[in-house]
Amino acid sequence: MSALKIAVAGASGRMGKMLIEAIAAADDMVLAGAIDVAASPSIGTDAAASMGKPAGVLIESDLSKGLADAQFLIDFTRPEGTLTHLAYCAEHGIKMIIGTTGFDEEGKAAIAAAASKTAIVFAPNMSVGVNVTLKLLEMAAKSFAQGYDIEIIEAHHRHKVDAPSGTALKMGEVIADALGRDLNEVGVFAREGVTGERDPSSIGFATIRGGDIVGDHTVMFAGIGERVEISHKSSSRINYAHGSLRAARFLADKQTGLYDMYDVLGLH
């Protein structure tokens, strides 16, 4: 089987560099393209320069150049950038692994529509561990449906621009679905002043931003006399990269369709 040809969006960013490193270490993949915004000082430089071992692939702002040889694009950028990349990939049959968060409903609909033209894995978190945690939360929520208050606490680095995190929201959605609730109706995203007693059907969110925290998520099921906490803590972005490569392997024999990490991991 020939190597999968992978391109990386946001190639000069923290996650982009981690993806390039993971691709270089994979024996069934090759870096085939690298793209970034035109204002990036890395445009025109070798995508693997930071590794000290050039890949022979330049970082491009022009999608037609950066994606010319790619079969897949892994994208952990911003919604507006990802949607631009999405339109190009759908038109040219390039498969996508989308780890970008912060999409509105219109953006999510655009991803779903593009999946009729190319194959896409779209997930708020590509970590294998996080997705197994989501499955555990689904199971726990059904057991703690009565008499337990549910709170989701997440922490990320100071540079993260959206809150709550896409992973925290996904946790809330999984729990709400398991309980037959709508997160849009029961989610509580801010508390200040005299809030009154807690609505027992609500799912609360607390957000922490600081330092270089990669990503911590804890769901608390607080009952009377006991408290159960299910946590996932990331110490490195490499777990997101490894999950993304696993998603690319999953898409290798897919032509169209919208998938998530549950599909990739067989957790449905």
Protein backbone atom coordinates (compact mmCIF):
# COMPACT_ATOMS: atom_id res chain seq x y z
CA MET A 1 0.00 0.00 0.00
CA SER A 2 1.42 3.38 -0.99
CA ALA A 3 1.94 6.06 1.64
CA LEU A 4 -0.99 8.36 2.40
CA LYS A 5 -0.27 11.90 1.22
CA ILE A 6 -1.12 14.30 4.03
CA ALA A 7 -1.22 18.10 4.06
CA VAL A 8 -1.36 20.21 7.21
CA ALA A 9 -3.20 23.51 7.68
CA GLY A 10 -1.76 26.06 10.09
CA ALA A 11 1.61 24.43 9.48
CA SER A 12 3.63 26.99 11.44
CA GLY A 13 1.45 26.85 14.55
CA ARG A 14 1.87 24.68 17.64
CA MET A 15 -0.55 22.00 16.49
CA GLY A 16 0.66 22.17 12.89
CA LYS A 17 4.25 21.49 13.93
CA MET A 18 3.11 18.56 16.10
CA LEU A 19 1.19 17.06 13.16
CA ILE A 20 4.20 17.42 10.86
CA GLU A 21 6.37 15.66 13.44
CA ALA A 22 3.84 12.82 13.80
CA ILE A 23 3.56 12.38 10.01
CA ALA A 24 7.36 12.22 9.73
CA ALA A 25 7.39 9.43 12.32
CA ALA A 26 4.65 7.40 10.58
CA ASP A 27 5.84 4.72 8.17
CA ASP A 28 2.59 4.75 6.16
CA MET A 29 2.32 8.50 5.57
CA VAL A 30 4.22 11.31 3.90
CA LEU A 31 3.92 15.08 4.25
CA ALA A 32 2.59 16.23 0.88
CA GLY A 33 1.63 19.82 1.59
CA ALA A 34 1.62 22.61 4.16
CA ILE A 35 -0.49 25.75 4.22
CA ASP A 36 -0.81 28.82 6.42
CA VAL A 37 -2.16 32.36 6.29
CA ALA A 38 -0.40 34.76 3.94
CA ALA A 39 0.77 36.91 6.87
CA SER A 40 2.73 34.06 8.45
CA PRO A 41 6.50 34.70 8.45
CA SER A 42 6.94 30.98 7.72
CA ILE A 43 5.51 31.22 4.19
CA GLY A 44 8.09 29.89 1.73
CA THR A 45 10.11 28.03 4.37
CA ASP A 46 10.44 24.27 4.74
CA ALA A 47 7.52 22.87 6.75
CA ALA A 48 9.81 20.71 8.88
CA ALA A 49 12.48 23.35 9.49
CA SER A 50 11.77 23.39 13.24
CA MET A 51 12.61 19.68 13.38
CA GLY A 52 16.06 20.24 11.95
CA LYS A 53 15.31 17.72 9.21
CA PRO A 54 13.83 19.38 6.10
CA ALA A 55 10.83 17.67 4.51
CA GLY A 56 11.24 19.24 1.08
CA VAL A 57 7.75 20.74 1.41
CA LEU A 58 7.33 24.51 1.55
CA ILE A 59 4.62 26.27 3.55
CA GLU A 60 2.27 27.95 1.07
CA SER A 61 -0.61 30.42 1.38
CA ASP A 62 -1.93 29.50 -2.07
CA LEU A 63 -4.16 26.44 -1.68
CA SER A 64 -3.58 25.32 -5.26
CA LYS A 65 0.15 25.05 -4.48
CA GLY A 66 -0.04 23.83 -0.92
CA LEU A 67 -2.57 21.10 -1.65
CA ALA A 68 -1.49 20.14 -5.18
CA ASP A 69 -0.15 16.72 -4.16
CA ALA A 70 -2.36 16.02 -1.13
CA GLN A 71 -4.97 13.32 -0.65
CA PHE A 72 -5.86 14.52 2.87
CA LEU A 73 -5.85 17.81 4.75
CA ILE A 74 -5.66 17.89 8.54
CA ASP A 75 -7.03 21.20 9.82
CA PHE A 76 -6.86 22.56 13.39
CA THR A 77 -7.10 26.27 12.55
CA ARG A 78 -10.00 28.75 12.92
CA PRO A 79 -13.55 28.32 11.61
CA GLU A 80 -13.22 30.95 8.89
CA GLY A 81 -10.00 29.43 7.59
CA THR A 82 -11.27 25.87 7.80
CA LEU A 83 -14.40 26.74 5.82
CA THR A 84 -12.26 28.26 3.06
CA HIS A 85 -10.13 25.10 2.99
CA LEU A 86 -13.31 22.99 3.06
CA ALA A 87 -14.69 24.56 -0.10
CA TYR A 88 -11.42 23.91 -1.95
CA CYS A 89 -11.11 20.33 -0.70
CA ALA A 90 -14.71 19.49 -1.59
CA GLU A 91 -14.18 20.83 -5.11
CA HIS A 92 -10.95 18.88 -5.60
CA GLY A 93 -11.83 15.65 -3.80
CA ILE A 94 -9.32 16.09 -0.98
CA LYS A 95 -10.39 14.29 2.19
CA MET A 96 -10.42 16.29 5.42
CA ILE A 97 -9.78 15.67 9.09
CA ILE A 98 -11.23 18.68 10.93
CA GLY A 99 -10.26 19.33 14.54
CA THR A 100 -11.13 23.03 14.46
CA THR A 101 -13.65 24.15 17.12
CA GLY A 102 -15.96 27.14 17.48
CA PHE A 103 -18.19 26.60 14.42
CA ASP A 104 -21.67 28.09 14.41
CA GLU A 105 -24.63 26.14 13.02
CA GLU A 106 -24.07 27.53 9.54
CA GLY A 107 -20.47 26.33 9.59
CA LYS A 108 -21.48 22.86 10.75
CA ALA A 109 -24.06 22.72 7.97
CA ALA A 110 -21.37 23.62 5.41
CA ILE A 111 -19.22 20.73 6.64
CA ALA A 112 -22.16 18.34 6.37
CA ALA A 113 -22.89 19.54 2.83
CA ALA A 114 -19.26 19.16 1.76
CA ALA A 115 -19.33 15.54 2.92
CA SER A 116 -21.45 14.72 -0.13
CA LYS A 117 -18.39 15.55 -2.27
CA THR A 118 -15.51 14.23 -0.15
CA ALA A 119 -14.92 12.17 2.98
CA ILE A 120 -14.57 14.07 6.26
CA VAL A 121 -13.83 13.20 9.88
CA PHE A 122 -15.07 16.10 12.01
CA ALA A 123 -14.64 15.95 15.78
CA PRO A 124 -14.12 18.56 18.50
CA ASN A 125 -11.31 16.44 19.91
CA MET A 126 -9.20 13.90 18.02
CA SER A 127 -7.69 12.31 21.12
CA VAL A 128 -8.40 8.60 21.45
CA GLY A 129 -8.50 9.04 25.23
CA VAL A 130 -11.03 11.87 25.09
CA ASN A 131 -13.35 9.89 22.85
CA VAL A 132 -13.22 6.87 25.16
CA THR A 133 -13.98 9.33 27.99
CA LEU A 134 -17.05 10.52 26.08
CA LYS A 135 -18.28 6.94 25.91
CA LEU A 136 -17.76 6.56 29.67
CA LEU A 137 -19.71 9.78 30.27
CA GLU A 138 -22.61 8.46 28.24
CA MET A 139 -22.71 5.35 30.41
CA ALA A 140 -22.32 7.31 33.66
CA ALA A 141 -25.03 9.84 32.81
CA LYS A 142 -27.63 7.10 32.44
CA SER A 143 -26.77 5.77 35.90
CA PHE A 144 -26.73 9.23 37.51
CA ALA A 145 -29.93 10.47 35.86
CA GLN A 146 -31.63 11.23 39.19
CA GLY A 147 -30.24 12.92 42.30
CA TYR A 148 -26.93 14.06 40.81
CA ASP A 149 -25.93 17.56 39.70
CA ILE A 150 -23.70 17.69 36.62
CA GLU A 151 -20.90 20.20 36.19
CA ILE A 152 -18.21 20.37 33.48
CA ILE A 153 -14.92 22.12 34.23
CA GLU A 154 -12.36 22.74 31.49
CA ALA A 155 -8.96 24.44 31.42
CA HIS A 156 -6.82 25.51 28.46
CA HIS A 157 -3.85 27.72 27.64
CA ARG A 158 -4.09 31.50 27.54
CA HIS A 159 -4.12 31.61 23.72
CA LYS A 160 -7.36 29.66 23.21
CA VAL A 161 -10.00 31.95 21.72
CA ASP A 162 -13.27 30.04 22.20
CA ALA A 163 -15.05 29.06 25.41
CA PRO A 164 -16.25 26.66 26.56
CA SER A 165 -13.96 24.37 24.60
CA GLY A 166 -15.40 22.25 21.81
CA THR A 167 -14.57 19.17 23.88
CA ALA A 168 -16.46 20.50 26.92
CA LEU A 169 -19.48 21.24 24.74
CA LYS A 170 -19.29 17.77 23.23
CA MET A 171 -19.21 16.30 26.73
CA GLY A 172 -22.32 18.30 27.56
CA GLU A 173 -24.07 17.15 24.38
CA VAL A 174 -23.24 13.49 25.07
CA ILE A 175 -24.56 13.74 28.63
CA ALA A 176 -27.68 15.68 27.62
CA ASP A 177 -28.48 13.18 24.86
CA ALA A 178 -28.08 10.28 27.28
CA LEU A 179 -30.54 11.97 29.64
CA GLY A 180 -33.02 12.94 26.92
CA ARG A 181 -32.34 16.64 27.36
CA ASP A 182 -31.39 19.45 24.96
CA LEU A 183 -28.10 21.12 25.91
CA ASN A 184 -29.31 24.38 24.35
CA GLU A 185 -32.07 24.42 26.96
CA VAL A 186 -30.27 23.08 30.06
CA GLY A 187 -26.71 24.35 29.61
CA VAL A 188 -25.62 27.03 32.11
CA PHE A 189 -22.51 28.87 30.92
CA ALA A 190 -22.21 31.71 33.45
CA ARG A 191 -23.10 32.34 37.07
CA GLU A 192 -22.86 35.69 38.84
CA GLY A 193 -24.70 37.40 41.64
CA VAL A 194 -27.84 35.94 43.21
CA THR A 195 -28.59 33.04 40.90
CA GLY A 196 -31.14 31.20 43.01
CA GLU A 197 -31.04 27.49 43.69
CA ARG A 198 -29.58 25.22 41.09
CA ASP A 199 -32.02 23.75 38.57
CA PRO A 200 -31.53 19.97 38.97
CA SER A 201 -31.93 19.43 35.21
CA SER A 202 -29.15 21.88 34.32
CA ILE A 203 -25.63 21.07 33.12
CA GLY A 204 -23.14 23.67 34.29
CA PHE A 205 -19.90 24.78 32.63
CA ALA A 206 -16.85 26.45 34.14
CA THR A 207 -13.94 27.71 32.02
CA ILE A 208 -10.33 28.33 33.04
CA ARG A 209 -7.73 29.97 30.79
CA GLY A 210 -4.08 30.32 31.74
CA GLY A 211 -0.45 29.53 31.06
CA ASP A 212 0.33 26.64 28.74
CA ILE A 213 -2.37 24.17 29.83
CA VAL A 214 -2.85 21.85 26.85
CA GLY A 215 -6.33 20.71 27.84
CA ASP A 216 -7.98 19.45 31.04
CA HIS A 217 -11.61 18.33 31.27
CA THR A 218 -13.49 17.06 34.31
CA VAL A 219 -17.16 16.13 34.59
CA MET A 220 -18.53 16.09 38.13
CA PHE A 221 -21.61 14.09 39.07
CA ALA A 222 -22.37 15.53 42.53
CA GLY A 223 -24.89 13.63 44.62
CA ILE A 224 -25.80 13.64 48.30
CA GLY A 225 -23.00 11.98 50.23
CA GLU A 226 -20.82 11.23 47.23
CA ARG A 227 -19.26 12.80 44.17
CA VAL A 228 -18.02 11.01 41.06
CA GLU A 229 -15.54 12.75 38.75
CA ILE A 230 -14.47 11.59 35.31
CA SER A 231 -11.41 13.43 33.98
CA HIS A 232 -9.15 13.58 30.99
CA LYS A 233 -5.92 15.58 31.07
CA SER A 234 -3.65 16.22 28.09
CA SER A 235 0.03 16.83 28.74
CA SER A 236 0.96 17.10 25.05
CA ARG A 237 -0.72 17.82 21.73
CA ILE A 238 0.78 14.63 20.33
CA ASN A 239 -2.34 12.69 21.34
CA TYR A 240 -4.42 14.92 19.06
CA ALA A 241 -1.94 14.33 16.26
CA HIS A 242 -1.97 10.55 16.67
CA GLY A 243 -5.77 10.54 16.68
CA SER A 244 -5.80 12.66 13.51
CA LEU A 245 -3.51 10.21 11.72
CA ARG A 246 -5.75 7.36 12.83
CA ALA A 247 -8.68 9.29 11.32
CA ALA A 248 -6.80 9.66 8.02
CA ARG A 249 -6.20 5.90 7.90
CA PHE A 250 -9.92 5.37 8.52
CA LEU A 251 -10.79 7.61 5.55
CA ALA A 252 -8.37 5.86 3.20
CA ASP A 253 -11.09 3.68 1.64
CA LYS A 254 -13.91 6.26 1.94
CA GLN A 255 -14.90 8.53 -0.94
CA THR A 256 -17.62 10.64 0.70
CA GLY A 257 -19.42 10.88 4.02
CA LEU A 258 -19.25 12.68 7.35
CA TYR A 259 -17.70 10.72 10.23
CA ASP A 260 -16.58 11.37 13.79
CA MET A 261 -14.06 9.76 16.11
CA TYR A 262 -16.66 7.29 17.36
CA ASP A 263 -16.71 5.97 13.78
CA VAL A 264 -12.93 5.87 13.67
CA LEU A 265 -12.68 3.99 16.97
CA GLY A 266 -15.75 1.77 16.52
CA LEU A 267 -17.50 3.22 19.58
CA HIS A 268 -20.98 3.75 18.11
